[in-house]
């Protein structure tokens, strides 16, 4: 089995993200760091990510977590900041985040050891929708809303059309409901800045078919079989 496929099957990350991890020198096979694609691994090979062994999991688990502001969505952090996985060190299987949620953002985060589902949810071709509530500075005019809906230029490339509606506004701020199927780095914050505003607070409330519901910050629950089936 190719190394990137093996990492995905272990639940470490999607295949695309696994390739990035290999290229970054984060993956070792039998104690040797591997950076090239296409390496084959099989029974008896010891695979590790950042020095920690990984293995195929037969017990697939799926968790919905309300990430608060101030946690990073990584397995570990070189700066020593809290990570979302600090809450799951004693969980029966090793979980990995599905995609990312910024350090200064909050809301719905999925964690699982099912690499195939992670790939299904994060690969751009599947266009899985994510929904956010963004509190932005000042009032957002009709022309600015139209630009967000049509897409704005970020680093020379236009964002895909977004669904944007106004939930609440006052003279100093506006709450927007924004639905995207892209996943560029800090995309909503950069889109809002491109039309002349700043994001004051950003909360993800839905990923695919799963919603945050009444979970509070720092709380989590396992997904029901019906929810997992709907994500597939």
Protein backbone atom coordinates (compact mmCIF):
# COMPACT_ATOMS: atom_id res chain seq x y z
CA UNK A 1 0.00 0.00 0.00
CA UNK A 2 1.31 3.46 -0.85
CA UNK A 3 2.41 5.43 2.18
CA UNK A 4 -0.05 8.31 1.72
CA UNK A 5 -2.93 5.85 1.34
CA UNK A 6 -1.76 4.00 4.45
CA UNK A 7 -1.72 7.24 6.47
CA UNK A 8 -5.25 8.02 5.30
CA UNK A 9 -6.42 4.52 6.21
CA UNK A 10 -4.92 5.02 9.68
CA UNK A 11 -7.03 8.16 10.03
CA UNK A 12 -4.03 10.48 10.20
CA UNK A 13 -5.27 12.80 7.45
CA UNK A 14 -6.75 12.88 3.97
CA UNK A 15 -4.49 11.55 1.22
CA UNK A 16 -3.79 15.06 0.00
CA UNK A 17 -2.80 16.23 3.48
CA UNK A 18 -0.78 13.02 3.99
CA UNK A 19 1.24 13.87 0.88
CA UNK A 20 1.96 17.32 2.30
CA UNK A 21 3.10 15.74 5.58
CA UNK A 22 5.43 13.37 3.70
CA UNK A 23 6.94 16.21 1.67
CA UNK A 24 7.44 18.20 4.89
CA UNK A 25 9.51 15.38 6.39
CA UNK A 26 7.02 14.54 9.14
CA UNK A 27 6.70 10.83 8.31
CA UNK A 28 9.13 8.03 9.11
CA UNK A 29 9.15 4.42 7.87
CA UNK A 30 11.22 2.01 9.94
CA UNK A 31 12.97 4.95 11.56
CA UNK A 32 13.90 6.68 8.30
CA UNK A 33 12.29 9.96 7.23
CA UNK A 34 10.56 9.62 3.86
CA UNK A 35 9.94 12.63 1.61
CA UNK A 36 9.17 11.07 -1.78
CA UNK A 37 5.77 9.93 -3.02
CA UNK A 38 4.95 6.35 -3.95
CA UNK A 39 6.79 4.55 -1.13
CA UNK A 40 5.14 1.20 -0.44
CA UNK A 41 4.55 -0.07 3.10
CA UNK A 42 3.30 -3.44 4.22
CA UNK A 43 3.01 -5.79 7.14
CA UNK A 44 6.02 -5.47 9.40
CA UNK A 45 6.82 -1.87 8.48
CA UNK A 46 6.72 0.64 11.33
CA UNK A 47 5.22 3.96 10.25
CA UNK A 48 5.40 7.05 12.47
CA UNK A 49 4.24 10.65 12.20
CA UNK A 50 6.48 13.13 14.02
CA UNK A 51 8.01 10.16 15.84
CA UNK A 52 4.69 8.70 17.01
CA UNK A 53 3.77 5.27 15.58
CA UNK A 54 0.50 4.94 13.69
CA UNK A 55 -1.42 1.80 12.77
CA UNK A 56 -4.54 0.75 10.95
CA UNK A 57 -7.65 1.13 13.06
CA UNK A 58 -10.58 -1.25 12.68
CA UNK A 59 -12.70 0.59 15.26
CA UNK A 60 -13.81 3.72 13.42
CA UNK A 61 -15.02 6.57 15.63
CA UNK A 62 -16.55 9.94 14.81
CA UNK A 63 -16.67 12.93 17.15
CA UNK A 64 -18.27 16.36 16.94
CA UNK A 65 -16.38 18.89 19.08
CA UNK A 66 -17.16 22.54 19.86
CA UNK A 67 -13.72 24.08 19.50
CA UNK A 68 -13.28 27.26 21.53
CA UNK A 69 -11.06 30.15 20.53
CA UNK A 70 -7.47 29.58 21.66
CA UNK A 71 -6.86 26.00 20.48
CA UNK A 72 -4.95 24.91 17.39
CA UNK A 73 -6.35 22.24 15.08
CA UNK A 74 -3.22 20.09 14.95
CA UNK A 75 -1.89 16.96 16.63
CA UNK A 76 0.85 18.99 18.34
CA UNK A 77 2.03 22.59 18.33
CA UNK A 78 5.69 23.68 18.30
CA UNK A 79 4.72 26.86 20.16
CA UNK A 80 3.20 24.87 23.00
CA UNK A 81 -0.32 26.19 22.51
CA UNK A 82 -3.33 24.03 23.49
CA UNK A 83 -4.54 21.70 20.75
CA UNK A 84 -7.99 20.28 20.15
CA UNK A 85 -6.60 16.81 20.79
CA UNK A 86 -5.58 17.63 24.37
CA UNK A 87 -9.16 16.69 25.30
CA UNK A 88 -8.91 13.24 23.68
CA UNK A 89 -5.60 11.85 24.96
CA UNK A 90 -7.45 9.06 26.78
CA UNK A 91 -9.92 8.35 23.97
CA UNK A 92 -9.96 4.63 22.98
CA UNK A 93 -8.60 5.37 19.47
CA UNK A 94 -6.37 8.12 18.13
CA UNK A 95 -8.46 10.86 16.55
CA UNK A 96 -7.45 13.37 13.90
CA UNK A 97 -9.15 16.65 12.91
CA UNK A 98 -11.14 16.79 9.68
CA UNK A 99 -9.74 19.92 8.08
CA UNK A 100 -8.86 22.94 10.17
CA UNK A 101 -10.43 25.71 12.19
CA UNK A 102 -8.31 28.77 12.94
CA UNK A 103 -6.81 29.42 16.38
CA UNK A 104 -9.01 32.51 16.75
CA UNK A 105 -12.18 30.86 15.40
CA UNK A 106 -14.65 28.62 17.20
CA UNK A 107 -17.38 26.12 16.52
CA UNK A 108 -17.96 22.76 14.91
CA UNK A 109 -14.95 20.52 14.37
CA UNK A 110 -15.15 16.89 13.32
CA UNK A 111 -12.55 14.38 14.52
CA UNK A 112 -12.20 10.79 13.38
CA UNK A 113 -9.79 7.95 12.63
CA UNK A 114 -11.58 7.23 9.33
CA UNK A 115 -9.18 8.50 6.67
CA UNK A 116 -11.50 7.70 3.76
CA UNK A 117 -14.28 9.81 5.22
CA UNK A 118 -11.80 12.59 5.96
CA UNK A 119 -10.82 12.54 2.28
CA UNK A 120 -14.48 12.58 1.27
CA UNK A 121 -15.15 15.65 3.41
CA UNK A 122 -12.02 17.66 2.60
CA UNK A 123 -11.24 17.01 -1.06
CA UNK A 124 -12.24 20.03 -3.20
CA UNK A 125 -13.99 17.94 -5.85
CA UNK A 126 -16.71 16.91 -3.40
CA UNK A 127 -17.63 20.56 -2.61
CA UNK A 128 -18.83 19.80 0.92
CA UNK A 129 -20.49 22.91 2.35
CA UNK A 130 -19.41 24.55 5.61
CA UNK A 131 -21.60 27.17 7.27
CA UNK A 132 -20.36 29.98 9.50
CA UNK A 133 -21.73 32.91 11.48
CA UNK A 134 -19.36 35.86 11.09
CA UNK A 135 -19.69 39.04 13.13
CA UNK A 136 -18.04 41.75 11.06
CA UNK A 137 -17.26 45.39 11.70
CA UNK A 138 -19.82 48.06 10.76
CA UNK A 139 -22.79 47.67 8.44
CA UNK A 140 -22.33 45.67 5.26
CA UNK A 141 -23.89 47.30 2.22
CA UNK A 142 -25.69 45.64 -0.67
CA UNK A 143 -22.76 46.08 -3.02
CA UNK A 144 -20.38 44.43 -0.55
CA UNK A 145 -22.76 41.52 -0.03
CA UNK A 146 -22.98 41.09 -3.80
CA UNK A 147 -19.18 40.91 -4.04
CA UNK A 148 -18.98 38.26 -1.32
CA UNK A 149 -21.68 36.22 -3.06
CA UNK A 150 -20.03 36.47 -6.46
CA UNK A 151 -16.50 35.79 -5.20
CA UNK A 152 -13.53 38.05 -4.51
CA UNK A 153 -9.93 37.93 -5.67
CA UNK A 154 -7.49 36.43 -3.18
CA UNK A 155 -3.85 36.08 -4.23
CA UNK A 156 -4.77 36.35 -7.89
CA UNK A 157 -7.53 33.73 -7.80
CA UNK A 158 -11.24 34.36 -7.39
CA UNK A 159 -13.09 32.58 -4.62
CA UNK A 160 -16.04 30.39 -5.54
CA UNK A 161 -19.50 31.95 -5.15
CA UNK A 162 -20.69 31.95 -1.53
CA UNK A 163 -24.11 32.01 0.06
CA UNK A 164 -24.32 35.10 2.26
CA UNK A 165 -27.26 36.47 4.23
CA UNK A 166 -27.63 39.09 6.96
CA UNK A 167 -28.77 37.74 10.34
CA UNK A 168 -28.50 40.94 12.38
CA UNK A 169 -27.06 44.40 12.12
CA UNK A 170 -26.56 47.54 14.19
CA UNK A 171 -24.55 50.71 13.50
CA UNK A 172 -21.30 49.06 14.58
CA UNK A 173 -21.47 45.42 13.45
CA UNK A 174 -23.25 42.92 11.21
CA UNK A 175 -23.81 39.20 11.70
CA UNK A 176 -23.53 37.28 8.43
CA UNK A 177 -24.43 33.65 7.70
CA UNK A 178 -21.83 32.49 5.17
CA UNK A 179 -21.79 29.12 3.42
CA UNK A 180 -18.69 27.97 1.51
CA UNK A 181 -17.50 24.77 -0.08
CA UNK A 182 -13.91 25.93 -0.44
CA UNK A 183 -11.32 25.71 2.31
CA UNK A 184 -8.57 28.24 1.66
CA UNK A 185 -6.48 29.45 4.57
CA UNK A 186 -8.44 31.97 6.69
CA UNK A 187 -10.76 32.38 3.73
CA UNK A 188 -13.73 34.12 5.32
CA UNK A 189 -11.56 36.62 7.18
CA UNK A 190 -9.70 37.48 3.98
CA UNK A 191 -12.90 37.74 1.93
CA UNK A 192 -14.43 40.13 4.46
CA UNK A 193 -11.23 42.20 4.52
CA UNK A 194 -11.31 42.35 0.71
CA UNK A 195 -14.66 44.19 0.85
CA UNK A 196 -13.50 46.62 3.53
CA UNK A 197 -14.51 45.03 6.85
CA UNK A 198 -12.94 43.02 9.67
CA UNK A 199 -14.17 39.75 11.20
CA UNK A 200 -14.74 40.27 14.92
CA UNK A 201 -15.93 36.74 15.66
CA UNK A 202 -16.18 33.61 13.53
CA UNK A 203 -18.11 30.49 14.45
CA UNK A 204 -18.64 27.37 12.31
CA UNK A 205 -22.12 25.98 12.87
CA UNK A 206 -22.41 23.27 10.20
CA UNK A 207 -20.15 20.88 8.28
CA UNK A 208 -21.86 18.98 5.51
CA UNK A 209 -25.06 17.60 6.99
CA UNK A 210 -23.96 17.85 10.64
CA UNK A 211 -24.83 20.87 12.79
CA UNK A 212 -23.38 22.15 16.06
CA UNK A 213 -26.74 21.99 17.82
CA UNK A 214 -26.78 22.91 21.50
CA UNK A 215 -23.20 21.93 22.33
CA UNK A 216 -21.31 24.45 24.44
CA UNK A 217 -17.66 25.47 24.04
CA UNK A 218 -15.32 22.60 24.90
CA UNK A 219 -18.08 19.96 24.81
CA UNK A 220 -18.16 17.01 22.43
CA UNK A 221 -20.26 14.01 21.47
CA UNK A 222 -19.96 11.05 19.15
CA UNK A 223 -21.91 11.14 15.92
CA UNK A 224 -24.87 8.82 15.48
CA UNK A 225 -24.73 6.12 12.77
CA UNK A 226 -27.32 8.15 10.85
CA UNK A 227 -25.12 11.24 10.93
CA UNK A 228 -22.09 9.28 9.73
CA UNK A 229 -24.14 7.78 6.91
CA UNK A 230 -25.33 11.24 5.86
CA UNK A 231 -21.74 12.53 5.72
CA UNK A 232 -20.79 9.66 3.43
